[in-house]
Amino acid sequence: MKKINSINYGGKIIGVGLMIMFVIPGMLMLINTILNFDVILMLSRLLFLIGAVILICFTVHLLIEFHQDKKVDKYYSKHRNVKIKINDGKYECGACGSRNIGPNDDFCNTCGCKYEQAEDKKPQEILDGNEK
């Protein structure tokens, strides 16, 4: 499963969902009190439902993301003193996140962390439930 990341658009989706669910239908209800058209009333109810669906879907999306983040955090907390293999045969320091680590390095040039062992598993693989 690919990692879900809602940075930079989570608040925007919530704002749009709330606007479609409450602000626009509220304005249409006010217009309906003046004009008294049944079409406006049906449109405001439809927009309320659309906004509710957007918020429910995004809530499920966020719950999945939070679950994935919890698994990734658990993985990194267990692997502080190891090199973590990333793409193209390169490694990342488990303590500071530096990616200037070679396959034969015994310590991190950035933070000085001494490695216990090389970790051959990529962090992305834990999202599939293949954690060692």
N, C-alpha and C. Protein backbone atom coordinates (compact mmCIF):
# COMPACT_ATOMS: atom_id res chain seq x y z
N MET A 1 0.85 -1.17 0.00
CA MET A 1 0.00 0.00 0.00
C MET A 1 0.89 1.24 0.00
N LYS A 2 0.58 2.18 -0.82
CA LYS A 2 1.35 3.40 -0.89
C LYS A 2 1.02 4.30 0.29
N LYS A 3 2.02 4.98 0.81
CA LYS A 3 1.84 5.89 1.95
C LYS A 3 0.97 7.06 1.53
N ILE A 4 -0.07 7.32 2.34
CA ILE A 4 -0.94 8.47 2.12
C ILE A 4 -0.35 9.66 2.85
N ASN A 5 -0.30 10.80 2.21
CA ASN A 5 0.26 11.99 2.84
C ASN A 5 -0.61 13.19 2.48
N SER A 6 -1.31 13.73 3.47
CA SER A 6 -2.24 14.83 3.20
C SER A 6 -1.68 16.18 3.61
N ILE A 7 -0.36 16.30 3.67
CA ILE A 7 0.24 17.59 4.02
C ILE A 7 -0.12 18.60 2.93
N ASN A 8 -0.47 19.80 3.33
CA ASN A 8 -0.78 20.95 2.47
C ASN A 8 -2.18 20.94 1.87
N TYR A 9 -2.92 19.84 1.96
CA TYR A 9 -4.27 19.92 1.40
C TYR A 9 -5.35 19.43 2.36
N GLY A 10 -5.00 18.94 3.51
CA GLY A 10 -5.99 18.46 4.47
C GLY A 10 -6.94 19.55 4.93
N GLY A 11 -6.39 20.69 5.34
CA GLY A 11 -7.22 21.81 5.79
C GLY A 11 -8.08 22.38 4.68
N LYS A 12 -7.57 22.37 3.47
CA LYS A 12 -8.33 22.88 2.33
C LYS A 12 -9.56 22.01 2.05
N ILE A 13 -9.37 20.71 2.14
CA ILE A 13 -10.51 19.81 1.88
C ILE A 13 -11.56 19.96 2.98
N ILE A 14 -11.11 20.07 4.22
CA ILE A 14 -12.07 20.29 5.32
C ILE A 14 -12.81 21.59 5.11
N GLY A 15 -12.10 22.65 4.72
CA GLY A 15 -12.74 23.94 4.47
C GLY A 15 -13.76 23.88 3.35
N VAL A 16 -13.41 23.22 2.27
CA VAL A 16 -14.34 23.09 1.14
C VAL A 16 -15.56 22.27 1.55
N GLY A 17 -15.33 21.17 2.29
CA GLY A 17 -16.44 20.34 2.74
C GLY A 17 -17.38 21.11 3.65
N LEU A 18 -16.81 21.89 4.58
CA LEU A 18 -17.66 22.68 5.48
C LEU A 18 -18.41 23.78 4.72
N MET A 19 -17.76 24.37 3.73
CA MET A 19 -18.42 25.42 2.94
C MET A 19 -19.59 24.84 2.15
N ILE A 20 -19.35 23.68 1.51
CA ILE A 20 -20.41 23.06 0.73
C ILE A 20 -21.52 22.55 1.64
N MET A 21 -21.14 22.13 2.86
CA MET A 21 -22.13 21.54 3.76
C MET A 21 -22.95 22.58 4.52
N PHE A 22 -22.35 23.70 4.88
CA PHE A 22 -23.05 24.67 5.73
C PHE A 22 -23.23 26.06 5.12
N VAL A 23 -22.16 26.65 4.58
CA VAL A 23 -22.21 28.05 4.14
C VAL A 23 -23.12 28.22 2.93
N ILE A 24 -22.88 27.47 1.88
CA ILE A 24 -23.68 27.63 0.65
C ILE A 24 -25.15 27.24 0.89
N PRO A 25 -25.44 26.10 1.55
CA PRO A 25 -26.86 25.80 1.83
C PRO A 25 -27.52 26.86 2.73
N GLY A 26 -26.75 27.41 3.68
CA GLY A 26 -27.32 28.47 4.52
C GLY A 26 -27.69 29.70 3.72
N MET A 27 -26.82 30.09 2.79
CA MET A 27 -27.12 31.24 1.93
C MET A 27 -28.33 30.94 1.05
N LEU A 28 -28.40 29.71 0.53
CA LEU A 28 -29.55 29.35 -0.30
C LEU A 28 -30.85 29.34 0.51
N MET A 29 -30.78 28.95 1.78
CA MET A 29 -31.98 28.98 2.63
C MET A 29 -32.45 30.42 2.84
N LEU A 30 -31.48 31.34 3.00
CA LEU A 30 -31.86 32.75 3.14
C LEU A 30 -32.50 33.27 1.86
N ILE A 31 -31.94 32.90 0.73
CA ILE A 31 -32.52 33.31 -0.55
C ILE A 31 -33.90 32.69 -0.72
N ASN A 32 -34.06 31.47 -0.25
CA ASN A 32 -35.34 30.77 -0.36
C ASN A 32 -36.43 31.47 0.47
N THR A 33 -36.06 32.06 1.60
CA THR A 33 -37.06 32.76 2.40
C THR A 33 -37.59 33.99 1.67
N ILE A 34 -36.76 34.57 0.83
CA ILE A 34 -37.19 35.74 0.05
C ILE A 34 -37.96 35.32 -1.19
N LEU A 35 -37.42 34.38 -1.96
CA LEU A 35 -38.01 34.00 -3.25
C LEU A 35 -39.03 32.86 -3.15
N ASN A 36 -38.85 31.99 -2.15
CA ASN A 36 -39.77 30.88 -1.90
C ASN A 36 -39.89 29.93 -3.11
N PHE A 37 -38.75 29.45 -3.59
CA PHE A 37 -38.72 28.47 -4.67
C PHE A 37 -38.35 27.11 -4.09
N ASP A 38 -39.05 26.06 -4.50
CA ASP A 38 -38.76 24.72 -4.02
C ASP A 38 -37.44 24.20 -4.57
N VAL A 39 -37.05 24.66 -5.75
CA VAL A 39 -35.80 24.21 -6.37
C VAL A 39 -34.61 24.64 -5.50
N ILE A 40 -34.66 25.83 -4.95
CA ILE A 40 -33.57 26.32 -4.11
C ILE A 40 -33.47 25.47 -2.84
N LEU A 41 -34.60 25.11 -2.28
CA LEU A 41 -34.61 24.26 -1.08
C LEU A 41 -34.00 22.89 -1.37
N MET A 42 -34.36 22.29 -2.50
CA MET A 42 -33.80 20.99 -2.88
C MET A 42 -32.30 21.10 -3.15
N LEU A 43 -31.88 22.19 -3.79
CA LEU A 43 -30.46 22.41 -4.07
C LEU A 43 -29.66 22.54 -2.77
N SER A 44 -30.20 23.26 -1.80
CA SER A 44 -29.48 23.41 -0.54
C SER A 44 -29.36 22.07 0.19
N ARG A 45 -30.38 21.24 0.15
CA ARG A 45 -30.31 19.91 0.77
C ARG A 45 -29.30 19.02 0.04
N LEU A 46 -29.29 19.11 -1.29
CA LEU A 46 -28.33 18.34 -2.07
C LEU A 46 -26.90 18.75 -1.75
N LEU A 47 -26.64 20.04 -1.65
CA LEU A 47 -25.30 20.53 -1.33
C LEU A 47 -24.90 20.11 0.08
N PHE A 48 -25.83 20.09 1.01
CA PHE A 48 -25.55 19.62 2.36
C PHE A 48 -25.08 18.17 2.33
N LEU A 49 -25.78 17.33 1.57
CA LEU A 49 -25.40 15.92 1.46
C LEU A 49 -24.04 15.74 0.79
N ILE A 50 -23.78 16.52 -0.25
CA ILE A 50 -22.48 16.44 -0.93
C ILE A 50 -21.36 16.82 0.03
N GLY A 51 -21.56 17.89 0.80
CA GLY A 51 -20.56 18.30 1.79
C GLY A 51 -20.34 17.23 2.85
N ALA A 52 -21.43 16.58 3.28
CA ALA A 52 -21.31 15.51 4.28
C ALA A 52 -20.51 14.34 3.73
N VAL A 53 -20.75 13.98 2.47
CA VAL A 53 -20.00 12.88 1.84
C VAL A 53 -18.53 13.23 1.74
N ILE A 54 -18.21 14.46 1.37
CA ILE A 54 -16.80 14.89 1.29
C ILE A 54 -16.13 14.77 2.65
N LEU A 55 -16.79 15.25 3.70
CA LEU A 55 -16.20 15.19 5.03
C LEU A 55 -16.05 13.75 5.53
N ILE A 56 -17.02 12.90 5.25
CA ILE A 56 -16.92 11.50 5.69
C ILE A 56 -15.78 10.79 4.96
N CYS A 57 -15.69 10.99 3.64
CA CYS A 57 -14.61 10.35 2.87
C CYS A 57 -13.24 10.83 3.33
N PHE A 58 -13.12 12.13 3.58
CA PHE A 58 -11.83 12.65 4.01
C PHE A 58 -11.49 12.19 5.43
N THR A 59 -12.48 12.01 6.28
CA THR A 59 -12.22 11.48 7.61
C THR A 59 -11.65 10.07 7.53
N VAL A 60 -12.20 9.24 6.66
CA VAL A 60 -11.67 7.88 6.45
C VAL A 60 -10.24 7.97 5.93
N HIS A 61 -10.00 8.87 4.99
CA HIS A 61 -8.67 9.10 4.43
C HIS A 61 -7.68 9.45 5.55
N LEU A 62 -8.06 10.35 6.43
CA LEU A 62 -7.18 10.77 7.52
C LEU A 62 -6.94 9.63 8.52
N LEU A 63 -7.97 8.84 8.80
CA LEU A 63 -7.79 7.72 9.71
C LEU A 63 -6.78 6.72 9.17
N ILE A 64 -6.83 6.46 7.87
CA ILE A 64 -5.84 5.56 7.24
C ILE A 64 -4.45 6.17 7.35
N GLU A 65 -4.34 7.46 7.08
CA GLU A 65 -3.03 8.12 7.16
C GLU A 65 -2.48 8.08 8.58
N PHE A 66 -3.30 8.33 9.58
CA PHE A 66 -2.84 8.31 10.96
C PHE A 66 -2.38 6.91 11.36
N HIS A 67 -3.07 5.89 10.88
CA HIS A 67 -2.66 4.51 11.17
C HIS A 67 -1.30 4.22 10.53
N GLN A 68 -1.10 4.66 9.30
CA GLN A 68 0.18 4.46 8.63
C GLN A 68 1.30 5.21 9.35
N ASP A 69 1.03 6.44 9.77
CA ASP A 69 2.04 7.22 10.48
C ASP A 69 2.42 6.55 11.79
N LYS A 70 1.46 5.95 12.46
CA LYS A 70 1.74 5.26 13.72
C LYS A 70 2.68 4.07 13.47
N LYS A 71 2.44 3.32 12.38
CA LYS A 71 3.31 2.19 12.05
C LYS A 71 4.71 2.65 11.68
N VAL A 72 4.82 3.73 10.91
CA VAL A 72 6.13 4.24 10.51
C VAL A 72 6.88 4.77 11.74
N ASP A 73 6.20 5.46 12.64
CA ASP A 73 6.83 5.97 13.85
C ASP A 73 7.33 4.82 14.72
N LYS A 74 6.54 3.78 14.84
CA LYS A 74 6.95 2.60 15.61
C LYS A 74 8.19 1.96 15.00
N TYR A 75 8.23 1.89 13.67
CA TYR A 75 9.39 1.33 12.97
C TYR A 75 10.64 2.15 13.27
N TYR A 76 10.55 3.48 13.12
CA TYR A 76 11.72 4.33 13.32
C TYR A 76 12.17 4.35 14.78
N SER A 77 11.23 4.25 15.73
CA SER A 77 11.64 4.23 17.13
C SER A 77 12.40 2.96 17.48
N LYS A 78 12.12 1.87 16.78
CA LYS A 78 12.85 0.61 17.00
C LYS A 78 14.19 0.59 16.27
N HIS A 79 14.40 1.46 15.30
CA HIS A 79 15.59 1.42 14.46
C HIS A 79 16.38 2.72 14.53
N ARG A 80 16.67 3.18 15.73
CA ARG A 80 17.42 4.44 15.89
C ARG A 80 18.90 4.27 15.57
N ASN A 81 19.50 3.16 15.93
CA ASN A 81 20.94 2.98 15.76
C ASN A 81 21.28 2.02 14.62
N VAL A 82 20.53 2.11 13.53
CA VAL A 82 20.82 1.28 12.37
C VAL A 82 20.78 2.14 11.11
N LYS A 83 21.42 1.63 10.08
CA LYS A 83 21.31 2.25 8.76
C LYS A 83 20.08 1.64 8.11
N ILE A 84 19.26 2.48 7.52
CA ILE A 84 18.05 2.00 6.86
C ILE A 84 18.25 2.13 5.36
N LYS A 85 18.09 1.02 4.67
CA LYS A 85 18.30 1.01 3.22
C LYS A 85 17.17 1.77 2.54
N ILE A 86 17.56 2.66 1.63
CA ILE A 86 16.59 3.38 0.80
C ILE A 86 16.89 3.05 -0.65
N ASN A 87 16.31 3.75 -1.56
CA ASN A 87 16.45 3.43 -3.00
C ASN A 87 17.90 3.53 -3.48
N ASP A 88 18.19 2.80 -4.53
CA ASP A 88 19.47 2.84 -5.24
C ASP A 88 20.67 2.45 -4.39
N GLY A 89 20.49 1.56 -3.41
CA GLY A 89 21.61 1.08 -2.61
C GLY A 89 22.15 2.09 -1.62
N LYS A 90 21.46 3.17 -1.40
CA LYS A 90 21.89 4.17 -0.44
C LYS A 90 21.25 3.88 0.91
N TYR A 91 21.77 4.51 1.95
CA TYR A 91 21.28 4.28 3.30
C TYR A 91 20.93 5.61 3.97
N GLU A 92 20.05 5.51 4.97
CA GLU A 92 19.63 6.67 5.75
C GLU A 92 19.93 6.39 7.21
N CYS A 93 20.41 7.41 7.93
CA CYS A 93 20.68 7.27 9.35
C CYS A 93 19.36 7.19 10.10
N GLY A 94 19.22 6.18 10.97
CA GLY A 94 17.99 6.01 11.75
C GLY A 94 17.83 7.06 12.83
N ALA A 95 18.92 7.73 13.22
CA ALA A 95 18.84 8.72 14.29
C ALA A 95 18.53 10.12 13.77
N CYS A 96 19.24 10.56 12.73
CA CYS A 96 19.05 11.95 12.28
C CYS A 96 18.41 12.07 10.90
N GLY A 97 18.34 10.99 10.13
CA GLY A 97 17.72 11.03 8.82
C GLY A 97 18.65 11.42 7.69
N SER A 98 19.94 11.56 7.98
CA SER A 98 20.90 11.92 6.94
C SER A 98 20.96 10.82 5.89
N ARG A 99 21.02 11.22 4.64
CA ARG A 99 21.07 10.25 3.54
C ARG A 99 22.46 10.18 2.91
N ASN A 100 23.46 10.68 3.61
CA ASN A 100 24.84 10.64 3.14
C ASN A 100 25.58 9.46 3.74
N ILE A 101 24.94 8.32 3.81
CA ILE A 101 25.51 7.14 4.43
C ILE A 101 25.84 6.12 3.35
N GLY A 102 27.04 5.60 3.39
CA GLY A 102 27.45 4.58 2.45
C GLY A 102 27.19 3.19 2.99
N PRO A 103 27.25 2.17 2.14
CA PRO A 103 26.96 0.81 2.60
C PRO A 103 28.00 0.27 3.59
N ASN A 104 29.21 0.81 3.59
CA ASN A 104 30.26 0.33 4.49
C ASN A 104 30.51 1.23 5.68
N ASP A 105 29.74 2.29 5.85
CA ASP A 105 29.93 3.21 6.97
C ASP A 105 29.46 2.57 8.28
N ASP A 106 30.27 2.76 9.34
CA ASP A 106 29.92 2.24 10.65
C ASP A 106 29.31 3.30 11.55
N PHE A 107 29.38 4.57 11.14
CA PHE A 107 28.79 5.65 11.93
C PHE A 107 28.33 6.76 10.99
N CYS A 108 27.47 7.62 11.51
CA CYS A 108 26.93 8.73 10.72
C CYS A 108 27.88 9.91 10.76
N ASN A 109 28.21 10.47 9.60
CA ASN A 109 29.08 11.64 9.54
C ASN A 109 28.39 12.90 10.05
N THR A 110 27.06 12.90 10.08
CA THR A 110 26.31 14.08 10.50
C THR A 110 26.12 14.14 12.00
N CYS A 111 25.61 13.05 12.60
CA CYS A 111 25.29 13.07 14.04
C CYS A 111 26.22 12.21 14.89
N GLY A 112 27.05 11.37 14.28
CA GLY A 112 28.00 10.55 15.01
C GLY A 112 27.42 9.27 15.57
N CYS A 113 26.21 8.92 15.20
CA CYS A 113 25.56 7.70 15.69
C CYS A 113 26.32 6.47 15.18
N LYS A 114 26.68 5.56 16.11
CA LYS A 114 27.34 4.31 15.72
C LYS A 114 26.27 3.28 15.44
N TYR A 115 26.38 2.59 14.30
CA TYR A 115 25.36 1.66 13.86
C TYR A 115 25.59 0.28 14.44
N GLU A 116 24.49 -0.37 14.85
CA GLU A 116 24.55 -1.74 15.35
C GLU A 116 24.64 -2.72 14.19
N GLN A 117 23.79 -2.53 13.17
CA GLN A 117 23.77 -3.41 12.01
C GLN A 117 23.09 -2.68 10.87
N ALA A 118 23.32 -3.13 9.66
CA ALA A 118 22.64 -2.54 8.51
C ALA A 118 21.25 -3.14 8.41
N GLU A 119 20.26 -2.33 8.14
CA GLU A 119 18.88 -2.79 7.99
C GLU A 119 18.57 -2.84 6.50
N ASP A 120 18.24 -4.01 6.00
CA ASP A 120 18.00 -4.18 4.57
C ASP A 120 16.57 -3.86 4.17
N LYS A 121 15.71 -3.62 5.10
CA LYS A 121 14.30 -3.39 4.80
C LYS A 121 14.02 -1.89 4.63
N LYS A 122 13.28 -1.54 3.62
CA LYS A 122 12.90 -0.14 3.40
C LYS A 122 11.72 0.21 4.30
N PRO A 123 11.65 1.45 4.81
CA PRO A 123 10.53 1.83 5.67
C PRO A 123 9.18 1.69 4.98
N GLN A 124 9.14 1.85 3.67
CA GLN A 124 7.87 1.74 2.94
C GLN A 124 7.30 0.34 3.02
N GLU A 125 8.17 -0.66 3.19
CA GLU A 125 7.72 -2.05 3.24
C GLU A 125 6.90 -2.35 4.49
N ILE A 126 7.06 -1.57 5.55
CA ILE A 126 6.31 -1.85 6.78
C ILE A 126 4.83 -1.54 6.60
N LEU A 127 4.49 -0.70 5.64
CA LEU A 127 3.09 -0.37 5.41
C LEU A 127 2.33 -1.56 4.83
N ASP A 128 3.07 -2.50 4.26
CA ASP A 128 2.45 -3.70 3.72
C ASP A 128 2.29 -4.79 4.78
N GLY A 129 2.75 -4.51 6.00
CA GLY A 129 2.63 -5.48 7.08
C GLY A 129 3.75 -6.50 7.11
N ASN A 130 4.89 -6.19 6.48
CA ASN A 130 6.00 -7.14 6.43
C ASN A 130 7.09 -6.78 7.44
N GLU A 131 6.73 -6.17 8.55
CA GLU A 131 7.72 -5.76 9.53
C GLU A 131 8.34 -6.97 10.20
N LYS A 132 9.67 -6.91 10.41
CA LYS A 132 10.39 -8.02 11.04
C LYS A 132 10.16 -8.01 12.53
